[in-house]
């Protein structure tokens, strides 16, 4: 065996060992899927994982959200038609339908080429990689980040800020960012920061800390606000979900609804929230009990 042959064999054995150590190459994206989730492995390598069973929530299931639905539908239609459309921040009280509205709009328009990519806040640092993947795709993508909020210094904050009109690279025309948050400005606000506010020539000027916190939410072109439901709205949503989940046991008269509404109000009082999520959870519990017990529709005790 010549020295060169021996060297080549040793190199082959080394490469064989390296193949077992190095992470496998990422599989090609299955673009036939309608929804995706950005995932990362232990080595930090990310990929778009198809979501085979998206949450099939319909717009008709979103009661008492007509103004918010009309606004985000209009923006989404403009996006699909290639017109001007804005990134959207849906903010407000918890459990009032922010995430549900994004899912329902996706379901309503996925047959028209709309696709959804769900990205966790901790994975926003991978936004440049995601943008590269979809840059030349014919589909139109909503990048969905749910329950978004940041603490000072988080890396995802700067990545999102750059993607929202802050980078030297233009955001692809086939992408919008829809984010939900309980905070309008996405960062915690402190009373002490208001002391930096000053008035000059009759104009109000925020301090640097406040300006920094406002700057991110300002890059969303459209803000849609959500507020706690009134008692009447809450009971309307309860009725919708009871009839939707179990029409065979739903009451048929106003008198039969009265004990259900009392129970629903008590449920909301215990939860400390009166919104769509609370109404849906109550309806699941109530209809589940009736279906398991096999009680007739008018027996609501």
C-alpha atoms as a PDB file:
ATOM      1  CA  UNK A   1       0.000   0.000   0.000  1.00  0.00           C
ATOM      2  CA  UNK A   2       1.472   3.337  -1.025  1.00  0.00           C
ATOM      3  CA  UNK A   3       1.534   6.288   1.411  1.00  0.00           C
ATOM      4  CA  UNK A   4      -1.040   8.132  -0.710  1.00  0.00           C
ATOM      5  CA  UNK A   5      -3.416   5.140  -0.643  1.00  0.00           C
ATOM      6  CA  UNK A   6      -3.051   4.822   3.115  1.00  0.00           C
ATOM      7  CA  UNK A   7      -3.770   8.529   3.544  1.00  0.00           C
ATOM      8  CA  UNK A   8      -6.935   8.309   1.416  1.00  0.00           C
ATOM      9  CA  UNK A   9      -8.250   5.318   3.402  1.00  0.00           C
ATOM     10  CA  UNK A  10      -7.618   7.110   6.704  1.00  0.00           C
ATOM     11  CA  UNK A  11      -9.397  10.164   5.342  1.00  0.00           C
ATOM     12  CA  UNK A  12     -12.381   8.025   4.298  1.00  0.00           C
ATOM     13  CA  UNK A  13     -12.623   6.516   7.791  1.00  0.00           C
ATOM     14  CA  UNK A  14     -12.482   9.981   9.314  1.00  0.00           C
ATOM     15  CA  UNK A  15     -15.256  11.215   7.059  1.00  0.00           C
ATOM     16  CA  UNK A  16     -17.390   8.193   7.982  1.00  0.00           C
ATOM     17  CA  UNK A  17     -17.041   9.065  11.652  1.00  0.00           C
ATOM     18  CA  UNK A  18     -17.853  12.713  11.006  1.00  0.00           C
ATOM     19  CA  UNK A  19     -21.077  11.762   9.227  1.00  0.00           C
ATOM     20  CA  UNK A  20     -22.367  10.239  12.468  1.00  0.00           C
ATOM     21  CA  UNK A  21     -21.469  13.358  14.455  1.00  0.00           C
ATOM     22  CA  UNK A  22     -22.688  16.102  12.149  1.00  0.00           C
ATOM     23  CA  UNK A  23     -26.443  16.859  12.066  1.00  0.00           C
ATOM     24  CA  UNK A  24     -28.265  15.632   8.969  1.00  0.00           C
ATOM     25  CA  UNK A  25     -29.050  18.026   6.155  1.00  0.00           C
ATOM     26  CA  UNK A  26     -32.392  19.775   6.406  1.00  0.00           C
ATOM     27  CA  UNK A  27     -35.166  18.140   4.432  1.00  0.00           C
ATOM     28  CA  UNK A  28     -36.690  20.225   1.639  1.00  0.00           C
ATOM     29  CA  UNK A  29     -39.790  22.199   2.613  1.00  0.00           C
ATOM     30  CA  UNK A  30     -43.073  20.531   1.742  1.00  0.00           C
ATOM     31  CA  UNK A  31     -44.723  23.516   0.071  1.00  0.00           C
ATOM     32  CA  UNK A  32     -47.950  21.563  -0.501  1.00  0.00           C
ATOM     33  CA  UNK A  33     -48.863  22.274   3.143  1.00  0.00           C
ATOM     34  CA  UNK A  34     -50.961  25.328   3.999  1.00  0.00           C
ATOM     35  CA  UNK A  35     -49.576  26.010   7.480  1.00  0.00           C
ATOM     36  CA  UNK A  36     -46.079  25.713   8.923  1.00  0.00           C
ATOM     37  CA  UNK A  37     -44.299  26.005  12.243  1.00  0.00           C
ATOM     38  CA  UNK A  38     -40.670  27.053  12.596  1.00  0.00           C
ATOM     39  CA  UNK A  39     -38.817  24.386  14.581  1.00  0.00           C
ATOM     40  CA  UNK A  40     -35.262  24.093  15.846  1.00  0.00           C
ATOM     41  CA  UNK A  41     -33.194  21.044  16.753  1.00  0.00           C
ATOM     42  CA  UNK A  42     -30.712  20.718  19.616  1.00  0.00           C
ATOM     43  CA  UNK A  43     -27.948  22.078  17.394  1.00  0.00           C
ATOM     44  CA  UNK A  44     -29.947  25.235  16.730  1.00  0.00           C
ATOM     45  CA  UNK A  45     -30.712  24.410  13.082  1.00  0.00           C
ATOM     46  CA  UNK A  46     -34.189  25.472  12.042  1.00  0.00           C
ATOM     47  CA  UNK A  47     -36.681  24.300   9.444  1.00  0.00           C
ATOM     48  CA  UNK A  48     -40.296  24.822   8.377  1.00  0.00           C
ATOM     49  CA  UNK A  49     -42.385  21.950   9.684  1.00  0.00           C
ATOM     50  CA  UNK A  50     -45.746  21.422   7.929  1.00  0.00           C
ATOM     51  CA  UNK A  51     -48.798  21.546  10.194  1.00  0.00           C
ATOM     52  CA  UNK A  52     -51.012  18.748   8.917  1.00  0.00           C
ATOM     53  CA  UNK A  53     -54.064  19.558  11.056  1.00  0.00           C
ATOM     54  CA  UNK A  54     -54.444  23.341  11.513  1.00  0.00           C
ATOM     55  CA  UNK A  55     -57.052  24.634  13.944  1.00  0.00           C
ATOM     56  CA  UNK A  56     -60.105  24.930  11.664  1.00  0.00           C
ATOM     57  CA  UNK A  57     -61.774  27.915  13.288  1.00  0.00           C
ATOM     58  CA  UNK A  58     -64.323  29.754  11.117  1.00  0.00           C
ATOM     59  CA  UNK A  59     -65.001  33.479  10.980  1.00  0.00           C
ATOM     60  CA  UNK A  60     -68.638  32.728  11.796  1.00  0.00           C
ATOM     61  CA  UNK A  61     -67.490  31.446  15.201  1.00  0.00           C
ATOM     62  CA  UNK A  62     -66.131  34.862  16.210  1.00  0.00           C
ATOM     63  CA  UNK A  63     -69.081  36.576  17.824  1.00  0.00           C
ATOM     64  CA  UNK A  64     -68.994  40.238  18.931  1.00  0.00           C
ATOM     65  CA  UNK A  65     -65.800  40.916  16.947  1.00  0.00           C
ATOM     66  CA  UNK A  66     -67.336  42.373  13.803  1.00  0.00           C
ATOM     67  CA  UNK A  67     -65.238  45.599  13.636  1.00  0.00           C
ATOM     68  CA  UNK A  68     -61.961  43.750  14.242  1.00  0.00           C
ATOM     69  CA  UNK A  69     -62.882  41.025  11.748  1.00  0.00           C
ATOM     70  CA  UNK A  70     -63.778  43.532   9.041  1.00  0.00           C
ATOM     71  CA  UNK A  71     -60.484  45.368   9.513  1.00  0.00           C
ATOM     72  CA  UNK A  72     -58.192  42.353   9.323  1.00  0.00           C
ATOM     73  CA  UNK A  73     -60.205  40.776   6.485  1.00  0.00           C
ATOM     74  CA  UNK A  74     -59.858  43.955   4.430  1.00  0.00           C
ATOM     75  CA  UNK A  75     -56.109  44.075   5.037  1.00  0.00           C
ATOM     76  CA  UNK A  76     -55.701  40.383   4.169  1.00  0.00           C
ATOM     77  CA  UNK A  77     -57.710  40.691   0.947  1.00  0.00           C
ATOM     78  CA  UNK A  78     -55.572  43.642  -0.125  1.00  0.00           C
ATOM     79  CA  UNK A  79     -52.473  41.566   0.569  1.00  0.00           C
ATOM     80  CA  UNK A  80     -53.741  38.634  -1.513  1.00  0.00           C
ATOM     81  CA  UNK A  81     -54.697  40.964  -4.350  1.00  0.00           C
ATOM     82  CA  UNK A  82     -51.190  42.421  -4.447  1.00  0.00           C
ATOM     83  CA  UNK A  83     -52.286  45.819  -3.165  1.00  0.00           C
ATOM     84  CA  UNK A  84     -50.983  47.818  -0.251  1.00  0.00           C
ATOM     85  CA  UNK A  85     -51.344  46.028   3.087  1.00  0.00           C
ATOM     86  CA  UNK A  86     -49.882  46.464   6.541  1.00  0.00           C
ATOM     87  CA  UNK A  87     -48.326  44.338   9.225  1.00  0.00           C
ATOM     88  CA  UNK A  88     -50.868  43.978  12.035  1.00  0.00           C
ATOM     89  CA  UNK A  89     -50.621  44.130  15.812  1.00  0.00           C
ATOM     90  CA  UNK A  90     -53.686  42.712  17.558  1.00  0.00           C
ATOM     91  CA  UNK A  91     -53.502  43.841  21.169  1.00  0.00           C
ATOM     92  CA  UNK A  92     -55.757  43.925  24.199  1.00  0.00           C
ATOM     93  CA  UNK A  93     -57.302  41.931  27.024  1.00  0.00           C
ATOM     94  CA  UNK A  94     -56.551  38.237  27.313  1.00  0.00           C
ATOM     95  CA  UNK A  95     -59.009  35.712  25.949  1.00  0.00           C
ATOM     96  CA  UNK A  96     -60.857  38.191  23.718  1.00  0.00           C
ATOM     97  CA  UNK A  97     -60.215  36.495  20.368  1.00  0.00           C
ATOM     98  CA  UNK A  98     -56.944  37.921  19.059  1.00  0.00           C
ATOM     99  CA  UNK A  99     -55.304  34.600  18.134  1.00  0.00           C
ATOM    100  CA  UNK A 100     -58.619  33.087  17.065  1.00  0.00           C
ATOM    101  CA  UNK A 101     -59.164  35.901  14.580  1.00  0.00           C
ATOM    102  CA  UNK A 102     -55.797  35.293  12.899  1.00  0.00           C
ATOM    103  CA  UNK A 103     -56.524  31.557  12.631  1.00  0.00           C
ATOM    104  CA  UNK A 104     -60.026  32.139  11.283  1.00  0.00           C
ATOM    105  CA  UNK A 105     -58.823  34.601   8.633  1.00  0.00           C
ATOM    106  CA  UNK A 106     -56.169  32.116   7.540  1.00  0.00           C
ATOM    107  CA  UNK A 107     -58.796  29.379   7.233  1.00  0.00           C
ATOM    108  CA  UNK A 108     -61.069  31.670   5.249  1.00  0.00           C
ATOM    109  CA  UNK A 109     -58.397  32.567   2.689  1.00  0.00           C
ATOM    110  CA  UNK A 110     -56.021  29.580   2.528  1.00  0.00           C
ATOM    111  CA  UNK A 111     -57.771  28.365  -0.629  1.00  0.00           C
ATOM    112  CA  UNK A 112     -56.782  31.655  -2.274  1.00  0.00           C
ATOM    113  CA  UNK A 113     -53.059  31.089  -1.751  1.00  0.00           C
ATOM    114  CA  UNK A 114     -52.687  32.367   1.812  1.00  0.00           C
ATOM    115  CA  UNK A 115     -50.208  30.441   3.952  1.00  0.00           C
ATOM    116  CA  UNK A 116     -49.424  30.705   7.668  1.00  0.00           C
ATOM    117  CA  UNK A 117     -46.058  30.378   9.403  1.00  0.00           C
ATOM    118  CA  UNK A 118     -46.183  30.271  13.189  1.00  0.00           C
ATOM    119  CA  UNK A 119     -42.996  31.464  14.885  1.00  0.00           C
ATOM    120  CA  UNK A 120     -42.359  31.435  18.604  1.00  0.00           C
ATOM    121  CA  UNK A 121     -40.982  34.603  20.153  1.00  0.00           C
ATOM    122  CA  UNK A 122     -37.715  32.834  21.012  1.00  0.00           C
ATOM    123  CA  UNK A 123     -37.234  31.908  17.344  1.00  0.00           C
ATOM    124  CA  UNK A 124     -37.582  35.418  15.934  1.00  0.00           C
ATOM    125  CA  UNK A 125     -33.802  35.573  15.605  1.00  0.00           C
ATOM    126  CA  UNK A 126     -34.293  33.172  12.672  1.00  0.00           C
ATOM    127  CA  UNK A 127     -36.436  35.670  10.742  1.00  0.00           C
ATOM    128  CA  UNK A 128     -33.731  36.310   8.092  1.00  0.00           C
ATOM    129  CA  UNK A 129     -33.566  32.563   7.359  1.00  0.00           C
ATOM    130  CA  UNK A 130     -37.363  32.343   7.071  1.00  0.00           C
ATOM    131  CA  UNK A 131     -37.487  35.336   4.735  1.00  0.00           C
ATOM    132  CA  UNK A 132     -34.837  33.725   2.505  1.00  0.00           C
ATOM    133  CA  UNK A 133     -36.917  30.533   2.257  1.00  0.00           C
ATOM    134  CA  UNK A 134     -40.102  32.259   1.089  1.00  0.00           C
ATOM    135  CA  UNK A 135     -38.529  35.057  -0.939  1.00  0.00           C
ATOM    136  CA  UNK A 136     -39.295  33.575  -4.360  1.00  0.00           C
ATOM    137  CA  UNK A 137     -42.410  31.541  -3.529  1.00  0.00           C
ATOM    138  CA  UNK A 138     -45.668  32.320  -5.381  1.00  0.00           C
ATOM    139  CA  UNK A 139     -47.787  31.927  -2.223  1.00  0.00           C
ATOM    140  CA  UNK A 140     -48.567  34.761   0.179  1.00  0.00           C
ATOM    141  CA  UNK A 141     -47.487  34.202   3.780  1.00  0.00           C
ATOM    142  CA  UNK A 142     -48.695  35.470   7.124  1.00  0.00           C
ATOM    143  CA  UNK A 143     -45.959  35.154   9.722  1.00  0.00           C
ATOM    144  CA  UNK A 144     -47.904  34.659  12.952  1.00  0.00           C
ATOM    145  CA  UNK A 145     -46.340  35.377  16.348  1.00  0.00           C
ATOM    146  CA  UNK A 146     -48.747  34.757  19.217  1.00  0.00           C
ATOM    147  CA  UNK A 147     -48.703  36.315  22.688  1.00  0.00           C
ATOM    148  CA  UNK A 148     -45.800  38.562  21.828  1.00  0.00           C
ATOM    149  CA  UNK A 149     -44.019  40.569  24.509  1.00  0.00           C
ATOM    150  CA  UNK A 150     -40.399  41.276  25.270  1.00  0.00           C
ATOM    151  CA  UNK A 151     -38.154  42.057  28.153  1.00  0.00           C
ATOM    152  CA  UNK A 152     -35.325  44.521  27.730  1.00  0.00           C
ATOM    153  CA  UNK A 153     -32.371  43.122  25.802  1.00  0.00           C
ATOM    154  CA  UNK A 154     -34.065  40.082  24.230  1.00  0.00           C
ATOM    155  CA  UNK A 155     -32.502  39.137  20.889  1.00  0.00           C
ATOM    156  CA  UNK A 156     -35.826  38.520  19.158  1.00  0.00           C
ATOM    157  CA  UNK A 157     -36.800  42.144  19.730  1.00  0.00           C
ATOM    158  CA  UNK A 158     -34.140  43.505  17.390  1.00  0.00           C
ATOM    159  CA  UNK A 159     -34.767  40.797  14.785  1.00  0.00           C
ATOM    160  CA  UNK A 160     -38.468  41.658  14.614  1.00  0.00           C
ATOM    161  CA  UNK A 161     -37.737  45.375  14.562  1.00  0.00           C
ATOM    162  CA  UNK A 162     -35.401  44.873  11.615  1.00  0.00           C
ATOM    163  CA  UNK A 163     -37.971  42.781   9.747  1.00  0.00           C
ATOM    164  CA  UNK A 164     -40.545  45.545  10.237  1.00  0.00           C
ATOM    165  CA  UNK A 165     -38.966  48.064   7.866  1.00  0.00           C
ATOM    166  CA  UNK A 166     -35.722  48.372   9.794  1.00  0.00           C
ATOM    167  CA  UNK A 167     -33.238  46.335   7.775  1.00  0.00           C
ATOM    168  CA  UNK A 168     -31.218  47.219   4.701  1.00  0.00           C
ATOM    169  CA  UNK A 169     -32.859  44.173   3.074  1.00  0.00           C
ATOM    170  CA  UNK A 170     -36.416  44.760   1.899  1.00  0.00           C
ATOM    171  CA  UNK A 171     -39.089  42.530   3.416  1.00  0.00           C
ATOM    172  CA  UNK A 172     -40.483  40.189   0.723  1.00  0.00           C
ATOM    173  CA  UNK A 173     -43.670  41.395  -0.926  1.00  0.00           C
ATOM    174  CA  UNK A 174     -45.284  38.020  -0.217  1.00  0.00           C
ATOM    175  CA  UNK A 175     -45.041  38.337   3.590  1.00  0.00           C
ATOM    176  CA  UNK A 176     -46.971  40.121   6.312  1.00  0.00           C
ATOM    177  CA  UNK A 177     -46.469  39.847  10.061  1.00  0.00           C
ATOM    178  CA  UNK A 178     -49.527  39.391  12.274  1.00  0.00           C
ATOM    179  CA  UNK A 179     -48.692  39.495  15.990  1.00  0.00           C
ATOM    180  CA  UNK A 180     -50.899  39.314  19.075  1.00  0.00           C
ATOM    181  CA  UNK A 181     -50.072  40.783  22.459  1.00  0.00           C
ATOM    182  CA  UNK A 182     -51.611  41.858  25.734  1.00  0.00           C
ATOM    183  CA  UNK A 183     -49.330  44.907  25.577  1.00  0.00           C
ATOM    184  CA  UNK A 184     -49.794  47.654  23.041  1.00  0.00           C
ATOM    185  CA  UNK A 185     -46.099  48.569  23.105  1.00  0.00           C
ATOM    186  CA  UNK A 186     -44.808  44.975  23.514  1.00  0.00           C
ATOM    187  CA  UNK A 187     -42.407  45.920  26.291  1.00  0.00           C
ATOM    188  CA  UNK A 188     -43.044  46.441  30.017  1.00  0.00           C
ATOM    189  CA  UNK A 189     -43.677  50.065  30.928  1.00  0.00           C
ATOM    190  CA  UNK A 190     -42.655  51.628  34.225  1.00  0.00           C
ATOM    191  CA  UNK A 191     -43.925  54.697  36.019  1.00  0.00           C
ATOM    192  CA  UNK A 192     -40.408  56.022  36.453  1.00  0.00           C
ATOM    193  CA  UNK A 193     -39.976  56.313  32.684  1.00  0.00           C
ATOM    194  CA  UNK A 194     -42.757  58.883  32.488  1.00  0.00           C
ATOM    195  CA  UNK A 195     -40.608  61.274  34.517  1.00  0.00           C
ATOM    196  CA  UNK A 196     -38.404  61.697  31.448  1.00  0.00           C
ATOM    197  CA  UNK A 197     -41.329  63.173  29.509  1.00  0.00           C
ATOM    198  CA  UNK A 198     -41.008  66.913  28.933  1.00  0.00           C
ATOM    199  CA  UNK A 199     -43.038  69.688  27.345  1.00  0.00           C
ATOM    200  CA  UNK A 200     -41.248  71.945  24.891  1.00  0.00           C
ATOM    201  CA  UNK A 201     -42.994  74.772  23.020  1.00  0.00           C
ATOM    202  CA  UNK A 202     -46.324  73.269  23.981  1.00  0.00           C
ATOM    203  CA  UNK A 203     -45.423  69.844  22.537  1.00  0.00           C
ATOM    204  CA  UNK A 204     -45.140  66.612  24.534  1.00  0.00           C
ATOM    205  CA  UNK A 205     -41.800  64.831  24.112  1.00  0.00           C
ATOM    206  CA  UNK A 206     -41.316  61.334  25.493  1.00  0.00           C
ATOM    207  CA  UNK A 207     -38.086  60.267  27.128  1.00  0.00           C
ATOM    208  CA  UNK A 208     -35.662  57.904  25.405  1.00  0.00           C
ATOM    209  CA  UNK A 209     -36.895  54.821  27.288  1.00  0.00           C
ATOM    210  CA  UNK A 210     -40.504  55.445  26.269  1.00  0.00           C
ATOM    211  CA  UNK A 211     -39.533  56.269  22.688  1.00  0.00           C
ATOM    212  CA  UNK A 212     -37.671  52.967  22.396  1.00  0.00           C
ATOM    213  CA  UNK A 213     -40.674  51.009  23.628  1.00  0.00           C
ATOM    214  CA  UNK A 214     -43.063  52.779  21.276  1.00  0.00           C
ATOM    215  CA  UNK A 215     -40.759  52.356  18.276  1.00  0.00           C
ATOM    216  CA  UNK A 216     -41.469  48.647  17.777  1.00  0.00           C
ATOM    217  CA  UNK A 217     -45.257  48.805  17.869  1.00  0.00           C
ATOM    218  CA  UNK A 218     -45.124  51.893  15.636  1.00  0.00           C
ATOM    219  CA  UNK A 219     -43.690  49.723  12.876  1.00  0.00           C
ATOM    220  CA  UNK A 220     -46.943  47.787  12.666  1.00  0.00           C
ATOM    221  CA  UNK A 221     -49.027  49.747  10.197  1.00  0.00           C
ATOM    222  CA  UNK A 222     -52.323  48.526  11.605  1.00  0.00           C
ATOM    223  CA  UNK A 223     -53.313  48.269  15.266  1.00  0.00           C
ATOM    224  CA  UNK A 224     -56.467  46.359  16.156  1.00  0.00           C
ATOM    225  CA  UNK A 225     -57.625  46.620  19.760  1.00  0.00           C
ATOM    226  CA  UNK A 226     -59.634  44.081  21.760  1.00  0.00           C
ATOM    227  CA  UNK A 227     -61.540  44.827  24.955  1.00  0.00           C
ATOM    228  CA  UNK A 228     -63.300  42.704  27.589  1.00  0.00           C
ATOM    229  CA  UNK A 229     -66.824  41.690  26.628  1.00  0.00           C
ATOM    230  CA  UNK A 230     -69.896  43.174  28.224  1.00  0.00           C
ATOM    231  CA  UNK A 231     -72.147  40.735  30.051  1.00  0.00           C
ATOM    232  CA  UNK A 232     -74.559  40.658  27.117  1.00  0.00           C
ATOM    233  CA  UNK A 233     -71.742  39.949  24.646  1.00  0.00           C
ATOM    234  CA  UNK A 234     -70.316  37.214  26.842  1.00  0.00           C
ATOM    235  CA  UNK A 235     -73.693  35.470  27.093  1.00  0.00           C
ATOM    236  CA  UNK A 236     -74.152  35.787  23.327  1.00  0.00           C
ATOM    237  CA  UNK A 237     -70.881  33.933  22.785  1.00  0.00           C
ATOM    238  CA  UNK A 238     -71.871  31.289  25.350  1.00  0.00           C
ATOM    239  CA  UNK A 239     -75.115  30.674  23.480  1.00  0.00           C
ATOM    240  CA  UNK A 240     -73.286  30.424  20.157  1.00  0.00           C
ATOM    241  CA  UNK A 241     -70.847  27.793  21.416  1.00  0.00           C
ATOM    242  CA  UNK A 242     -73.476  25.730  23.223  1.00  0.00           C
ATOM    243  CA  UNK A 243     -75.519  25.553  20.015  1.00  0.00           C
ATOM    244  CA  UNK A 244     -72.416  24.952  17.916  1.00  0.00           C
ATOM    245  CA  UNK A 245     -70.884  22.206  20.060  1.00  0.00           C
ATOM    246  CA  UNK A 246     -74.037  20.262  20.916  1.00  0.00           C
ATOM    247  CA  UNK A 247     -77.130  21.308  18.968  1.00  0.00           C
ATOM    248  CA  UNK A 248     -79.016  18.214  20.142  1.00  0.00           C
ATOM    249  CA  UNK A 249     -78.937  19.289  23.796  1.00  0.00           C
ATOM    250  CA  UNK A 250     -79.059  23.075  23.374  1.00  0.00           C
ATOM    251  CA  UNK A 251     -82.143  24.699  24.944  1.00  0.00           C
ATOM    252  CA  UNK A 252     -84.899  25.946  22.667  1.00  0.00           C
ATOM    253  CA  UNK A 253     -86.678  28.508  24.856  1.00  0.00           C
ATOM    254  CA  UNK A 254     -85.609  31.619  26.770  1.00  0.00           C
ATOM    255  CA  UNK A 255     -86.711  30.022  30.041  1.00  0.00           C
ATOM    256  CA  UNK A 256     -84.428  27.043  29.414  1.00  0.00           C
ATOM    257  CA  UNK A 257     -81.475  29.388  28.771  1.00  0.00           C
ATOM    258  CA  UNK A 258     -81.805  31.234  32.082  1.00  0.00           C
ATOM    259  CA  UNK A 259     -80.079  28.655  34.337  1.00  0.00           C
ATOM    260  CA  UNK A 260     -77.332  28.183  31.751  1.00  0.00           C
ATOM    261  CA  UNK A 261     -76.666  31.911  31.663  1.00  0.00           C
ATOM    262  CA  UNK A 262     -76.512  32.060  35.455  1.00  0.00           C
ATOM    263  CA  UNK A 263     -74.009  29.191  35.463  1.00  0.00           C
ATOM    264  CA  UNK A 264     -71.985  30.916  32.712  1.00  0.00           C
ATOM    265  CA  UNK A 265     -71.784  34.147  34.704  1.00  0.00           C
ATOM    266  CA  UNK A 266     -70.630  32.246  37.786  1.00  0.00           C
ATOM    267  CA  UNK A 267     -68.015  30.492  35.646  1.00  0.00           C
ATOM    268  CA  UNK A 268     -66.704  33.862  34.405  1.00  0.00           C
ATOM    269  CA  UNK A 269     -66.662  35.244  37.951  1.00  0.00           C
ATOM    270  CA  UNK A 270     -64.488  32.360  39.120  1.00  0.00           C
ATOM    271  CA  UNK A 271     -62.127  32.820  36.178  1.00  0.00           C
ATOM    272  CA  UNK A 272     -61.910  36.589  36.617  1.00  0.00           C
ATOM    273  CA  UNK A 273     -62.388  37.071  32.858  1.00  0.00           C
ATOM    274  CA  UNK A 274     -65.339  37.609  30.566  1.00  0.00           C
ATOM    275  CA  UNK A 275     -64.292  36.910  27.005  1.00  0.00           C
ATOM    276  CA  UNK A 276     -64.573  34.514  24.103  1.00  0.00           C
ATOM    277  CA  UNK A 277     -62.127  32.006  25.568  1.00  0.00           C
ATOM    278  CA  UNK A 278     -64.009  31.840  28.868  1.00  0.00           C
ATOM    279  CA  UNK A 279     -67.337  31.438  27.042  1.00  0.00           C
ATOM    280  CA  UNK A 280     -65.923  28.611  24.901  1.00  0.00           C
ATOM    281  CA  UNK A 281     -64.494  26.826  27.927  1.00  0.00           C
ATOM    282  CA  UNK A 282     -67.807  27.055  29.762  1.00  0.00           C
ATOM    283  CA  UNK A 283     -69.712  25.773  26.724  1.00  0.00           C
ATOM    284  CA  UNK A 284     -67.337  22.799  26.389  1.00  0.00           C
ATOM    285  CA  UNK A 285     -67.867  21.918  30.029  1.00  0.00           C
ATOM    286  CA  UNK A 286     -71.646  22.327  29.949  1.00  0.00           C
ATOM    287  CA  UNK A 287     -72.229  20.466  26.680  1.00  0.00           C
ATOM    288  CA  UNK A 288     -69.776  17.733  27.707  1.00  0.00           C
ATOM    289  CA  UNK A 289     -71.700  17.069  30.895  1.00  0.00           C
ATOM    290  CA  UNK A 290     -75.031  16.925  29.076  1.00  0.00           C
ATOM    291  CA  UNK A 291     -73.783  14.661  26.300  1.00  0.00           C
ATOM    292  CA  UNK A 292     -72.173  12.228  28.742  1.00  0.00           C
ATOM    293  CA  UNK A 293     -75.197  12.169  31.006  1.00  0.00           C
ATOM    294  CA  UNK A 294     -77.597  11.903  28.093  1.00  0.00           C
ATOM    295  CA  UNK A 295     -79.903  14.495  29.592  1.00  0.00           C
ATOM    296  CA  UNK A 296     -82.729  15.996  27.518  1.00  0.00           C
ATOM    297  CA  UNK A 297     -82.332  19.535  26.236  1.00  0.00           C
ATOM    298  CA  UNK A 298     -84.687  21.111  28.785  1.00  0.00           C
ATOM    299  CA  UNK A 299     -83.033  19.588  31.849  1.00  0.00           C
ATOM    300  CA  UNK A 300     -80.426  22.238  32.741  1.00  0.00           C
ATOM    301  CA  UNK A 301     -80.053  21.663  36.481  1.00  0.00           C
END
